[in-house]
Amino acid sequence: MGAGHSHGGSAGTAAGRHKSRLAAAFGLTFAFMLAEVIGGLWTGSLALLADAAHMLTDAGGLALALIAIRFAEKPATPQRTFGYVRMEILSALANAVVLLLLTLYILYEAYQRFLDPPPILGGPMLAVAVVGLIVNLISMKLLAGGSSESLNVKGAYFEVLSDMLGSLGVIIAAVIVMATGWTLADPIVGAGIGLFIVPRTWILLKQAVHILMEGTPPEVDIARLEKSLLALPGVTAVHDLHVWTLTSGLDAMSAHIVMADMAQGRETLVQASRLLAEEFGLKHTTIQIEDEAIRRTDGHEQRL
């Protein structure tokens, strides 16, 4: 019996459903990033410059996310049968790598400032940081809903979250500098901003690599899935079972199901497709039905 295919609707990727919010967050982030660069250079604050660098990465990440969505909306071609949906994952991977490299630079700059602390203008530094906090809170609100659906939006949300906490740190550093004149508070906060993002960025990096390696989605219990298929009437074996993620919100599955009676094949195919969709959320599936009698006779897998 031929392979059965079940495909979900073409509603677009999870990130695509939040395109307008990503665009709004990009506009806010890019505009204030320019303001923070000017403010950091004016006040001499590493914490502000570190926050500006993170905001630059945020703006780049949001831009990459929007570009990835644009590519993902392109139709599939004979050369790219899945289209460009993987662009989202490549974008998330690039964001994670850039953030990790940026953190190394910030830590190096903080070390240099510990050795030779520059003068800091606490008042302007505080004013810029307060505005930055407001901008980050707005951007977080825009991205919060999509962060649970899309790895790309999740990466952008983590970046904005880190900037929000960075703005809080800059505010604290500015208050300390203004109140005590202790300028080392600035590189300490700058280094803290860099270190804060490392664990979250590492998680994002691992998720992106896991998807690119076609690992099983964490929410899918592959052993339970196989057991459920084996429990279908007439099924004697399941092999070549694979589940992987194409992009956020779009998982795929393929398997070979061996039948004792090929007359039951069509009904089993319908039951398997329903089972995969309802219990495991897998709607993009390919199932190959095989005859157990022919497999035993030939001594090898025979696909019909």
C-alpha atoms as a PDB file:
ATOM      1  CA  MET A   1       0.000   0.000   0.000  1.00  0.00           C
ATOM      2  CA  GLY A   2       1.315   3.463  -0.800  1.00  0.00           C
ATOM      3  CA  ALA A   3       2.547   5.900   1.775  1.00  0.00           C
ATOM      4  CA  GLY A   4      -0.039   7.959   3.610  1.00  0.00           C
ATOM      5  CA  HIS A   5       0.509  11.684   4.026  1.00  0.00           C
ATOM      6  CA  SER A   6      -1.167  14.055   6.433  1.00  0.00           C
ATOM      7  CA  HIS A   7      -0.345  17.743   6.381  1.00  0.00           C
ATOM      8  CA  GLY A   8      -1.452  20.585   8.549  1.00  0.00           C
ATOM      9  CA  GLY A   9      -2.897  23.784   7.169  1.00  0.00           C
ATOM     10  CA  SER A  10      -0.723  26.420   5.572  1.00  0.00           C
ATOM     11  CA  ALA A  11      -1.355  29.112   8.156  1.00  0.00           C
ATOM     12  CA  GLY A  12       2.326  30.036   8.162  1.00  0.00           C
ATOM     13  CA  THR A  13       5.006  29.683  10.780  1.00  0.00           C
ATOM     14  CA  ALA A  14       4.550  30.557  14.439  1.00  0.00           C
ATOM     15  CA  ALA A  15       6.851  33.552  14.026  1.00  0.00           C
ATOM     16  CA  GLY A  16       4.847  34.771  11.025  1.00  0.00           C
ATOM     17  CA  ARG A  17       1.756  35.209  13.195  1.00  0.00           C
ATOM     18  CA  HIS A  18       3.670  37.799  15.232  1.00  0.00           C
ATOM     19  CA  LYS A  19       5.296  39.696  12.366  1.00  0.00           C
ATOM     20  CA  SER A  20       3.692  43.065  13.130  1.00  0.00           C
ATOM     21  CA  ARG A  21       4.741  42.895  16.782  1.00  0.00           C
ATOM     22  CA  LEU A  22       8.281  41.985  15.777  1.00  0.00           C
ATOM     23  CA  ALA A  23       8.363  44.963  13.414  1.00  0.00           C
ATOM     24  CA  ALA A  24       7.136  47.344  16.130  1.00  0.00           C
ATOM     25  CA  ALA A  25       9.692  46.002  18.612  1.00  0.00           C
ATOM     26  CA  PHE A  26      12.443  46.402  15.995  1.00  0.00           C
ATOM     27  CA  GLY A  27      11.544  50.060  15.418  1.00  0.00           C
ATOM     28  CA  LEU A  28      11.578  50.852  19.133  1.00  0.00           C
ATOM     29  CA  THR A  29      14.784  48.928  19.786  1.00  0.00           C
ATOM     30  CA  PHE A  30      16.760  50.378  16.875  1.00  0.00           C
ATOM     31  CA  ALA A  31      15.749  53.966  17.649  1.00  0.00           C
ATOM     32  CA  PHE A  32      16.717  53.738  21.301  1.00  0.00           C
ATOM     33  CA  MET A  33      19.903  51.820  20.536  1.00  0.00           C
ATOM     34  CA  LEU A  34      21.148  54.906  18.690  1.00  0.00           C
ATOM     35  CA  ALA A  35      20.217  57.057  21.682  1.00  0.00           C
ATOM     36  CA  GLU A  36      22.092  54.739  24.060  1.00  0.00           C
ATOM     37  CA  VAL A  37      25.242  54.793  21.939  1.00  0.00           C
ATOM     38  CA  ILE A  38      25.237  58.582  22.030  1.00  0.00           C
ATOM     39  CA  GLY A  39      24.480  58.544  25.754  1.00  0.00           C
ATOM     40  CA  GLY A  40      27.199  55.989  26.492  1.00  0.00           C
ATOM     41  CA  LEU A  41      29.844  57.952  24.605  1.00  0.00           C
ATOM     42  CA  TRP A  42      28.732  61.200  26.248  1.00  0.00           C
ATOM     43  CA  THR A  43      28.679  59.889  29.813  1.00  0.00           C
ATOM     44  CA  GLY A  44      31.630  57.472  29.467  1.00  0.00           C
ATOM     45  CA  SER A  45      29.498  54.638  30.883  1.00  0.00           C
ATOM     46  CA  LEU A  46      30.432  51.044  29.978  1.00  0.00           C
ATOM     47  CA  ALA A  47      27.115  49.858  31.395  1.00  0.00           C
ATOM     48  CA  LEU A  48      25.268  52.086  28.924  1.00  0.00           C
ATOM     49  CA  LEU A  49      27.506  51.017  26.052  1.00  0.00           C
ATOM     50  CA  ALA A  50      27.056  47.362  27.033  1.00  0.00           C
ATOM     51  CA  ASP A  51      23.308  47.875  27.066  1.00  0.00           C
ATOM     52  CA  ALA A  52      23.535  49.649  23.706  1.00  0.00           C
ATOM     53  CA  ALA A  53      25.547  46.723  22.322  1.00  0.00           C
ATOM     54  CA  HIS A  54      22.870  44.313  23.509  1.00  0.00           C
ATOM     55  CA  MET A  55      20.220  46.528  21.953  1.00  0.00           C
ATOM     56  CA  LEU A  56      22.195  46.502  18.709  1.00  0.00           C
ATOM     57  CA  THR A  57      22.123  42.706  18.853  1.00  0.00           C
ATOM     58  CA  ASP A  58      18.414  42.873  19.653  1.00  0.00           C
ATOM     59  CA  ALA A  59      17.803  45.068  16.626  1.00  0.00           C
ATOM     60  CA  GLY A  60      19.866  42.724  14.463  1.00  0.00           C
ATOM     61  CA  GLY A  61      18.061  39.709  15.875  1.00  0.00           C
ATOM     62  CA  LEU A  62      14.661  41.260  15.253  1.00  0.00           C
ATOM     63  CA  ALA A  63      15.709  42.203  11.731  1.00  0.00           C
ATOM     64  CA  LEU A  64      16.898  38.626  11.117  1.00  0.00           C
ATOM     65  CA  ALA A  65      13.622  37.327  12.520  1.00  0.00           C
ATOM     66  CA  LEU A  66      11.652  39.498  10.109  1.00  0.00           C
ATOM     67  CA  ILE A  67      13.866  38.437   7.198  1.00  0.00           C
ATOM     68  CA  ALA A  68      13.434  34.788   8.212  1.00  0.00           C
ATOM     69  CA  ILE A  69       9.656  35.213   8.263  1.00  0.00           C
ATOM     70  CA  ARG A  70       9.764  36.783   4.817  1.00  0.00           C
ATOM     71  CA  PHE A  71      11.749  33.837   3.463  1.00  0.00           C
ATOM     72  CA  ALA A  72       9.511  31.326   5.263  1.00  0.00           C
ATOM     73  CA  GLU A  73       6.498  32.785   3.468  1.00  0.00           C
ATOM     74  CA  LYS A  74       8.022  31.920   0.093  1.00  0.00           C
ATOM     75  CA  PRO A  75       6.504  28.849  -1.592  1.00  0.00           C
ATOM     76  CA  ALA A  76       8.339  25.558  -1.810  1.00  0.00           C
ATOM     77  CA  THR A  77      10.297  24.790  -4.963  1.00  0.00           C
ATOM     78  CA  PRO A  78      11.499  21.532  -6.556  1.00  0.00           C
ATOM     79  CA  GLN A  79      14.948  22.293  -5.131  1.00  0.00           C
ATOM     80  CA  ARG A  80      13.621  23.249  -1.665  1.00  0.00           C
ATOM     81  CA  THR A  81      10.561  21.103  -1.063  1.00  0.00           C
ATOM     82  CA  PHE A  82      10.052  22.514   2.440  1.00  0.00           C
ATOM     83  CA  GLY A  83      10.558  26.075   1.257  1.00  0.00           C
ATOM     84  CA  TYR A  84      12.582  28.348   3.536  1.00  0.00           C
ATOM     85  CA  VAL A  85      10.993  27.543   6.898  1.00  0.00           C
ATOM     86  CA  ARG A  86      14.401  26.615   8.372  1.00  0.00           C
ATOM     87  CA  MET A  87      15.539  30.269   8.012  1.00  0.00           C
ATOM     88  CA  GLU A  88      13.937  30.919  11.405  1.00  0.00           C
ATOM     89  CA  ILE A  89      16.204  28.370  13.070  1.00  0.00           C
ATOM     90  CA  LEU A  90      19.304  29.689  11.303  1.00  0.00           C
ATOM     91  CA  SER A  91      18.369  33.179  12.491  1.00  0.00           C
ATOM     92  CA  ALA A  92      18.013  31.994  16.096  1.00  0.00           C
ATOM     93  CA  LEU A  93      21.383  30.227  15.854  1.00  0.00           C
ATOM     94  CA  ALA A  94      23.059  33.385  14.535  1.00  0.00           C
ATOM     95  CA  ASN A  95      21.529  35.450  17.349  1.00  0.00           C
ATOM     96  CA  ALA A  96      22.864  33.079  19.990  1.00  0.00           C
ATOM     97  CA  VAL A  97      26.394  33.022  18.567  1.00  0.00           C
ATOM     98  CA  VAL A  98      26.551  36.827  18.254  1.00  0.00           C
ATOM     99  CA  LEU A  99      25.300  37.293  21.819  1.00  0.00           C
ATOM    100  CA  LEU A 100      27.949  34.952  23.211  1.00  0.00           C
ATOM    101  CA  LEU A 101      30.720  36.754  21.306  1.00  0.00           C
ATOM    102  CA  LEU A 102      29.382  40.107  22.438  1.00  0.00           C
ATOM    103  CA  THR A 103      29.432  38.972  26.056  1.00  0.00           C
ATOM    104  CA  LEU A 104      33.135  38.091  25.766  1.00  0.00           C
ATOM    105  CA  TYR A 105      33.881  41.599  24.497  1.00  0.00           C
ATOM    106  CA  ILE A 106      31.918  43.243  27.315  1.00  0.00           C
ATOM    107  CA  LEU A 107      33.781  41.201  29.937  1.00  0.00           C
ATOM    108  CA  TYR A 108      37.106  42.179  28.362  1.00  0.00           C
ATOM    109  CA  GLU A 109      36.138  45.866  28.390  1.00  0.00           C
ATOM    110  CA  ALA A 110      35.000  45.597  32.017  1.00  0.00           C
ATOM    111  CA  TYR A 111      38.409  44.155  32.942  1.00  0.00           C
ATOM    112  CA  GLN A 112      40.148  47.087  31.252  1.00  0.00           C
ATOM    113  CA  ARG A 113      38.012  49.557  33.184  1.00  0.00           C
ATOM    114  CA  PHE A 114      38.781  47.853  36.466  1.00  0.00           C
ATOM    115  CA  LEU A 115      42.434  48.564  35.743  1.00  0.00           C
ATOM    116  CA  ASP A 116      41.828  52.166  34.693  1.00  0.00           C
ATOM    117  CA  PRO A 117      38.369  53.501  35.700  1.00  0.00           C
ATOM    118  CA  PRO A 118      37.272  56.427  33.494  1.00  0.00           C
ATOM    119  CA  PRO A 119      35.131  59.374  34.736  1.00  0.00           C
ATOM    120  CA  ILE A 120      31.371  58.771  34.606  1.00  0.00           C
ATOM    121  CA  LEU A 121      28.511  61.300  34.245  1.00  0.00           C
ATOM    122  CA  GLY A 122      25.907  59.782  36.546  1.00  0.00           C
ATOM    123  CA  GLY A 123      22.963  62.121  35.858  1.00  0.00           C
ATOM    124  CA  PRO A 124      22.708  61.722  32.057  1.00  0.00           C
ATOM    125  CA  MET A 125      23.512  58.031  32.447  1.00  0.00           C
ATOM    126  CA  LEU A 126      20.495  57.652  34.755  1.00  0.00           C
ATOM    127  CA  ALA A 127      18.164  59.542  32.405  1.00  0.00           C
ATOM    128  CA  VAL A 128      19.105  57.421  29.392  1.00  0.00           C
ATOM    129  CA  ALA A 129      18.742  54.198  31.400  1.00  0.00           C
ATOM    130  CA  VAL A 130      15.232  55.104  32.585  1.00  0.00           C
ATOM    131  CA  VAL A 131      14.071  55.719  29.024  1.00  0.00           C
ATOM    132  CA  GLY A 132      15.724  52.442  28.002  1.00  0.00           C
ATOM    133  CA  LEU A 133      13.818  50.574  30.699  1.00  0.00           C
ATOM    134  CA  ILE A 134      10.517  51.931  29.376  1.00  0.00           C
ATOM    135  CA  VAL A 135      11.370  50.983  25.786  1.00  0.00           C
ATOM    136  CA  ASN A 136      12.380  47.453  26.820  1.00  0.00           C
ATOM    137  CA  LEU A 137       9.198  46.927  28.823  1.00  0.00           C
ATOM    138  CA  ILE A 138       7.107  47.923  25.803  1.00  0.00           C
ATOM    139  CA  SER A 139       9.072  45.583  23.534  1.00  0.00           C
ATOM    140  CA  MET A 140       8.743  42.716  26.021  1.00  0.00           C
ATOM    141  CA  LYS A 141       4.977  43.221  26.089  1.00  0.00           C
ATOM    142  CA  LEU A 142       4.899  43.061  22.288  1.00  0.00           C
ATOM    143  CA  LEU A 143       6.913  39.831  22.117  1.00  0.00           C
ATOM    144  CA  ALA A 144       5.651  37.965  25.200  1.00  0.00           C
ATOM    145  CA  GLY A 145       2.816  36.116  23.437  1.00  0.00           C
ATOM    146  CA  GLY A 146       4.914  34.807  20.561  1.00  0.00           C
ATOM    147  CA  SER A 147       7.865  33.714  22.715  1.00  0.00           C
ATOM    148  CA  SER A 148       6.083  30.500  23.719  1.00  0.00           C
ATOM    149  CA  GLU A 149       5.275  29.599  20.097  1.00  0.00           C
ATOM    150  CA  SER A 150       8.344  30.501  18.057  1.00  0.00           C
ATOM    151  CA  LEU A 151      12.038  29.866  18.701  1.00  0.00           C
ATOM    152  CA  ASN A 152      12.835  32.963  16.701  1.00  0.00           C
ATOM    153  CA  VAL A 153      10.495  35.189  18.722  1.00  0.00           C
ATOM    154  CA  LYS A 154      11.756  33.480  21.880  1.00  0.00           C
ATOM    155  CA  GLY A 155      15.318  34.473  20.999  1.00  0.00           C
ATOM    156  CA  ALA A 156      14.248  38.078  20.428  1.00  0.00           C
ATOM    157  CA  TYR A 157      12.273  38.060  23.685  1.00  0.00           C
ATOM    158  CA  PHE A 158      15.292  36.801  25.660  1.00  0.00           C
ATOM    159  CA  GLU A 159      17.431  39.547  24.182  1.00  0.00           C
ATOM    160  CA  VAL A 160      14.913  42.241  25.128  1.00  0.00           C
ATOM    161  CA  LEU A 161      14.546  40.668  28.590  1.00  0.00           C
ATOM    162  CA  SER A 162      18.292  40.872  29.093  1.00  0.00           C
ATOM    163  CA  ASP A 163      18.244  44.507  28.032  1.00  0.00           C
ATOM    164  CA  MET A 164      15.434  45.279  30.446  1.00  0.00           C
ATOM    165  CA  LEU A 165      17.461  43.856  33.320  1.00  0.00           C
ATOM    166  CA  GLY A 166      20.482  45.637  31.909  1.00  0.00           C
ATOM    167  CA  SER A 167      18.618  48.936  32.070  1.00  0.00           C
ATOM    168  CA  LEU A 168      17.777  48.224  35.705  1.00  0.00           C
ATOM    169  CA  GLY A 169      21.449  47.543  36.355  1.00  0.00           C
ATOM    170  CA  VAL A 170      22.474  50.777  34.655  1.00  0.00           C
ATOM    171  CA  ILE A 171      19.983  52.703  36.789  1.00  0.00           C
ATOM    172  CA  ILE A 172      21.463  51.160  39.944  1.00  0.00           C
ATOM    173  CA  ALA A 173      25.007  51.912  38.777  1.00  0.00           C
ATOM    174  CA  ALA A 174      24.083  55.511  37.931  1.00  0.00           C
ATOM    175  CA  VAL A 175      22.534  56.050  41.356  1.00  0.00           C
ATOM    176  CA  ILE A 176      25.663  54.647  43.049  1.00  0.00           C
ATOM    177  CA  VAL A 177      27.967  56.843  40.960  1.00  0.00           C
ATOM    178  CA  MET A 178      25.873  59.928  41.694  1.00  0.00           C
ATOM    179  CA  ALA A 179      25.569  59.162  45.410  1.00  0.00           C
ATOM    180  CA  THR A 180      29.094  57.956  46.200  1.00  0.00           C
ATOM    181  CA  GLY A 181      31.324  58.732  43.225  1.00  0.00           C
ATOM    182  CA  TRP A 182      32.343  55.045  43.090  1.00  0.00           C
ATOM    183  CA  THR A 183      32.812  54.627  39.323  1.00  0.00           C
ATOM    184  CA  LEU A 184      33.702  50.932  39.555  1.00  0.00           C
ATOM    185  CA  ALA A 185      29.971  50.288  39.888  1.00  0.00           C
ATOM    186  CA  ASP A 186      29.721  50.928  36.143  1.00  0.00           C
ATOM    187  CA  PRO A 187      32.048  48.139  34.872  1.00  0.00           C
ATOM    188  CA  ILE A 188      30.673  45.770  37.522  1.00  0.00           C
ATOM    189  CA  VAL A 189      27.150  46.278  36.181  1.00  0.00           C
ATOM    190  CA  GLY A 190      28.435  46.060  32.601  1.00  0.00           C
ATOM    191  CA  ALA A 191      30.035  42.677  33.324  1.00  0.00           C
ATOM    192  CA  GLY A 192      26.886  41.547  35.137  1.00  0.00           C
ATOM    193  CA  ILE A 193      24.773  42.375  32.085  1.00  0.00           C
ATOM    194  CA  GLY A 194      27.085  40.244  29.963  1.00  0.00           C
ATOM    195  CA  LEU A 195      27.053  37.295  32.352  1.00  0.00           C
ATOM    196  CA  PHE A 196      23.292  37.329  32.819  1.00  0.00           C
ATOM    197  CA  ILE A 197      22.521  36.505  29.211  1.00  0.00           C
ATOM    198  CA  VAL A 198      24.971  33.572  28.916  1.00  0.00           C
ATOM    199  CA  PRO A 199      22.773  30.752  30.390  1.00  0.00           C
ATOM    200  CA  ARG A 200      19.676  31.787  28.429  1.00  0.00           C
ATOM    201  CA  THR A 201      21.657  32.230  25.235  1.00  0.00           C
ATOM    202  CA  TRP A 202      23.244  28.813  25.727  1.00  0.00           C
ATOM    203  CA  ILE A 203      19.773  27.257  26.021  1.00  0.00           C
ATOM    204  CA  LEU A 204      18.693  28.990  22.822  1.00  0.00           C
ATOM    205  CA  LEU A 205      21.859  27.798  21.063  1.00  0.00           C
ATOM    206  CA  LYS A 206      21.260  24.187  22.133  1.00  0.00           C
ATOM    207  CA  GLN A 207      17.648  24.313  20.975  1.00  0.00           C
ATOM    208  CA  ALA A 208      18.626  25.648  17.552  1.00  0.00           C
ATOM    209  CA  VAL A 209      21.371  23.039  17.120  1.00  0.00           C
ATOM    210  CA  HIS A 210      19.009  20.263  18.280  1.00  0.00           C
ATOM    211  CA  ILE A 211      16.519  21.233  15.571  1.00  0.00           C
ATOM    212  CA  LEU A 212      19.192  21.505  12.878  1.00  0.00           C
ATOM    213  CA  MET A 213      20.405  18.018  13.881  1.00  0.00           C
ATOM    214  CA  GLU A 214      16.793  16.834  13.435  1.00  0.00           C
ATOM    215  CA  GLY A 215      16.496  15.745  17.039  1.00  0.00           C
ATOM    216  CA  THR A 216      13.167  14.589  18.452  1.00  0.00           C
ATOM    217  CA  PRO A 217      11.038  17.493  19.729  1.00  0.00           C
ATOM    218  CA  PRO A 218      11.211  17.524  23.551  1.00  0.00           C
ATOM    219  CA  GLU A 219       7.426  17.478  23.880  1.00  0.00           C
ATOM    220  CA  VAL A 220       7.149  14.196  21.914  1.00  0.00           C
ATOM    221  CA  ASP A 221       7.658  10.946  23.847  1.00  0.00           C
ATOM    222  CA  ILE A 222       8.964   8.738  21.043  1.00  0.00           C
ATOM    223  CA  ALA A 223       8.655   5.529  23.104  1.00  0.00           C
ATOM    224  CA  ARG A 224       5.003   6.241  23.925  1.00  0.00           C
ATOM    225  CA  LEU A 225       4.346   7.149  20.289  1.00  0.00           C
ATOM    226  CA  GLU A 226       5.763   3.825  19.088  1.00  0.00           C
ATOM    227  CA  LYS A 227       3.791   1.918  21.709  1.00  0.00           C
ATOM    228  CA  SER A 228       0.585   3.694  20.635  1.00  0.00           C
ATOM    229  CA  LEU A 229       1.142   2.748  16.984  1.00  0.00           C
ATOM    230  CA  LEU A 230       1.826  -0.869  17.937  1.00  0.00           C
ATOM    231  CA  ALA A 231      -1.477  -0.936  19.815  1.00  0.00           C
ATOM    232  CA  LEU A 232      -3.454  -0.230  16.645  1.00  0.00           C
ATOM    233  CA  PRO A 233      -5.439  -3.248  15.345  1.00  0.00           C
ATOM    234  CA  GLY A 234      -3.445  -5.479  13.003  1.00  0.00           C
ATOM    235  CA  VAL A 235      -0.088  -3.741  13.540  1.00  0.00           C
ATOM    236  CA  THR A 236       2.738  -6.208  14.240  1.00  0.00           C
ATOM    237  CA  ALA A 237       5.785  -3.922  14.060  1.00  0.00           C
ATOM    238  CA  VAL A 238       6.872  -0.315  13.704  1.00  0.00           C
ATOM    239  CA  HIS A 239      10.282   0.668  12.371  1.00  0.00           C
ATOM    240  CA  ASP A 240      12.138   3.642  10.876  1.00  0.00           C
ATOM    241  CA  LEU A 241      10.203   5.915  13.208  1.00  0.00           C
ATOM    242  CA  HIS A 242      11.419   9.518  13.055  1.00  0.00           C
ATOM    243  CA  VAL A 243      10.047  12.750  14.500  1.00  0.00           C
ATOM    244  CA  TRP A 244      11.766  16.077  13.916  1.00  0.00           C
ATOM    245  CA  THR A 245      11.108  19.816  13.860  1.00  0.00           C
ATOM    246  CA  LEU A 246      11.127  21.787  10.628  1.00  0.00           C
ATOM    247  CA  THR A 247      10.639  25.135  12.359  1.00  0.00           C
ATOM    248  CA  SER A 248       8.869  26.367  15.485  1.00  0.00           C
ATOM    249  CA  GLY A 249       5.308  25.070  15.549  1.00  0.00           C
ATOM    250  CA  LEU A 250       5.864  22.666  12.633  1.00  0.00           C
ATOM    251  CA  ASP A 251       6.925  19.114  13.493  1.00  0.00           C
ATOM    252  CA  ALA A 252       7.135  16.225  11.030  1.00  0.00           C
ATOM    253  CA  MET A 253       6.968  12.455  11.471  1.00  0.00           C
ATOM    254  CA  SER A 254       7.625   9.400   9.297  1.00  0.00           C
ATOM    255  CA  ALA A 255       7.314   5.682  10.072  1.00  0.00           C
ATOM    256  CA  HIS A 256       6.882   2.221   8.558  1.00  0.00           C
ATOM    257  CA  ILE A 257       4.007   0.170   9.954  1.00  0.00           C
ATOM    258  CA  VAL A 258       3.928  -3.591   9.371  1.00  0.00           C
ATOM    259  CA  MET A 259       0.482  -5.190   9.014  1.00  0.00           C
ATOM    260  CA  ALA A 260      -0.558  -8.817   9.512  1.00  0.00           C
ATOM    261  CA  ASP A 261      -3.471  -8.299   7.106  1.00  0.00           C
ATOM    262  CA  MET A 262      -3.032  -5.732   4.350  1.00  0.00           C
ATOM    263  CA  ALA A 263      -6.810  -5.527   3.984  1.00  0.00           C
ATOM    264  CA  GLN A 264      -6.791  -3.508   7.195  1.00  0.00           C
ATOM    265  CA  GLY A 265      -4.154  -1.149   5.875  1.00  0.00           C
ATOM    266  CA  ARG A 266      -6.429   1.709   4.839  1.00  0.00           C
ATOM    267  CA  GLU A 267      -8.332   1.760   8.126  1.00  0.00           C
ATOM    268  CA  THR A 268      -5.093   1.528  10.115  1.00  0.00           C
ATOM    269  CA  LEU A 269      -3.663   4.442   8.155  1.00  0.00           C
ATOM    270  CA  VAL A 270      -6.689   6.575   9.036  1.00  0.00           C
ATOM    271  CA  GLN A 271      -6.472   5.573  12.717  1.00  0.00           C
ATOM    272  CA  ALA A 272      -2.741   6.244  12.866  1.00  0.00           C
ATOM    273  CA  SER A 273      -3.117   9.713  11.332  1.00  0.00           C
ATOM    274  CA  ARG A 274      -5.884  10.573  13.803  1.00  0.00           C
ATOM    275  CA  LEU A 275      -3.836   9.236  16.717  1.00  0.00           C
ATOM    276  CA  LEU A 276      -0.752  11.244  15.754  1.00  0.00           C
ATOM    277  CA  ALA A 277      -2.722  14.469  15.331  1.00  0.00           C
ATOM    278  CA  GLU A 278      -4.883  14.215  18.445  1.00  0.00           C
ATOM    279  CA  GLU A 279      -2.475  12.715  20.988  1.00  0.00           C
ATOM    280  CA  PHE A 280       0.893  13.996  19.784  1.00  0.00           C
ATOM    281  CA  GLY A 281       0.045  17.117  17.786  1.00  0.00           C
ATOM    282  CA  LEU A 282       1.725  15.692  14.675  1.00  0.00           C
ATOM    283  CA  LYS A 283      -0.145  16.702  11.518  1.00  0.00           C
ATOM    284  CA  HIS A 284       2.682  16.571   8.981  1.00  0.00           C
ATOM    285  CA  THR A 285       3.154  12.813   8.763  1.00  0.00           C
ATOM    286  CA  THR A 286       4.245  10.159   6.277  1.00  0.00           C
ATOM    287  CA  ILE A 287       3.302   6.538   7.030  1.00  0.00           C
ATOM    288  CA  GLN A 288       4.435   3.520   4.970  1.00  0.00           C
ATOM    289  CA  ILE A 289       2.281   0.377   5.268  1.00  0.00           C
ATOM    290  CA  GLU A 290       4.130  -2.958   4.806  1.00  0.00           C
ATOM    291  CA  ASP A 291       2.981  -6.585   4.504  1.00  0.00           C
ATOM    292  CA  GLU A 292       4.341  -8.852   7.247  1.00  0.00           C
ATOM    293  CA  ALA A 293       3.968 -11.998   5.098  1.00  0.00           C
ATOM    294  CA  ILE A 294       6.219 -10.660   2.341  1.00  0.00           C
ATOM    295  CA  ARG A 295       8.797  -9.479   4.880  1.00  0.00           C
ATOM    296  CA  ARG A 296       8.972 -12.994   6.383  1.00  0.00           C
ATOM    297  CA  THR A 297       9.189 -14.672   2.967  1.00  0.00           C
ATOM    298  CA  ASP A 298      11.926 -12.453   1.556  1.00  0.00           C
ATOM    299  CA  GLY A 299      13.833 -12.150   4.801  1.00  0.00           C
ATOM    300  CA  HIS A 300      14.106  -8.396   4.375  1.00  0.00           C
ATOM    301  CA  GLU A 301      11.926  -5.309   4.372  1.00  0.00           C
ATOM    302  CA  GLN A 302       9.572  -5.222   1.409  1.00  0.00           C
ATOM    303  CA  ARG A 303       7.649  -2.001   0.936  1.00  0.00           C
ATOM    304  CA  LEU A 304       4.346  -1.989  -0.896  1.00  0.00           C
END
